[in-house]
């Protein structure tokens, strides 16, 4: 994990929300994008300013794995 975010969760989520909106407009389902977006919005994880690679930690926490 980089010490300083290169591309933080807020920026990634903005792009994901744009993609999901375009998918809705074009009637194209984007289930993987929707799932990834859910990982980035896990309540209480306080990840907004961290590098989006933090998704690895979210998946580990959800699986009960500590790192």
Protein backbone atom coordinates (compact mmCIF):
# COMPACT_ATOMS: atom_id res chain seq x y z
CA UNK A 1 0.00 0.00 0.00
CA UNK A 2 1.50 3.35 -0.94
CA UNK A 3 2.08 5.76 1.94
CA UNK A 4 0.36 8.50 -0.05
CA UNK A 5 -2.68 7.77 -2.20
CA UNK A 6 -1.96 7.86 -5.92
CA UNK A 7 -5.65 7.49 -6.77
CA UNK A 8 -7.86 7.66 -3.71
CA UNK A 9 -11.14 5.90 -3.01
CA UNK A 10 -13.17 9.10 -3.56
CA UNK A 11 -11.74 9.54 -7.07
CA UNK A 12 -12.28 5.86 -7.90
CA UNK A 13 -15.84 5.95 -6.63
CA UNK A 14 -16.61 9.07 -8.69
CA UNK A 15 -15.51 7.19 -11.81
CA UNK A 16 -17.48 4.09 -10.85
CA UNK A 17 -20.63 6.13 -10.29
CA UNK A 18 -20.17 7.74 -13.73
CA UNK A 19 -19.80 4.29 -15.29
CA UNK A 20 -22.88 2.96 -13.47
CA UNK A 21 -24.93 5.95 -14.62
CA UNK A 22 -23.84 5.47 -18.22
CA UNK A 23 -24.69 1.78 -17.95
CA UNK A 24 -28.19 2.70 -16.76
CA UNK A 25 -28.61 5.19 -19.62
CA UNK A 26 -27.51 2.60 -22.19
CA UNK A 27 -29.37 -0.26 -20.50
CA UNK A 28 -26.11 -2.17 -19.99
CA UNK A 29 -25.81 -4.07 -16.71
CA UNK A 30 -22.53 -3.59 -14.85
CA UNK A 31 -22.77 -6.04 -11.93
CA UNK A 32 -19.03 -6.23 -11.28
CA UNK A 33 -18.75 -2.44 -11.18
CA UNK A 34 -21.70 -2.26 -8.78
CA UNK A 35 -20.08 -4.86 -6.52
CA UNK A 36 -16.73 -3.09 -6.55
CA UNK A 37 -18.49 0.17 -5.71
CA UNK A 38 -20.11 -1.53 -2.70
CA UNK A 39 -16.67 -2.57 -1.43
CA UNK A 40 -15.54 1.04 -1.57
CA UNK A 41 -18.55 2.29 0.38
CA UNK A 42 -18.31 -0.10 3.32
CA UNK A 43 -19.55 1.98 6.26
CA UNK A 44 -17.15 2.66 9.08
CA UNK A 45 -13.99 1.76 7.21
CA UNK A 46 -12.91 5.40 6.77
CA UNK A 47 -11.16 4.81 3.45
CA UNK A 48 -12.04 7.93 1.45
CA UNK A 49 -8.53 9.38 1.35
CA UNK A 50 -6.64 6.11 1.01
CA UNK A 51 -5.36 4.58 -2.21
CA UNK A 52 -8.07 2.50 -3.89
CA UNK A 53 -5.87 -0.58 -3.43
CA UNK A 54 -7.44 -0.59 0.06
CA UNK A 55 -10.13 -2.80 -1.51
CA UNK A 56 -7.77 -5.68 -0.71
CA UNK A 57 -8.10 -4.87 3.00
CA UNK A 58 -11.89 -4.62 2.72
CA UNK A 59 -12.06 -8.08 1.16
CA UNK A 60 -9.73 -9.44 3.85
CA UNK A 61 -11.90 -7.97 6.64
CA UNK A 62 -15.06 -9.35 5.05
CA UNK A 63 -13.42 -12.78 4.87
CA UNK A 64 -12.20 -12.64 8.48
CA UNK A 65 -8.56 -12.58 7.39
CA UNK A 66 -6.16 -10.28 9.18
CA UNK A 67 -3.04 -8.97 7.56
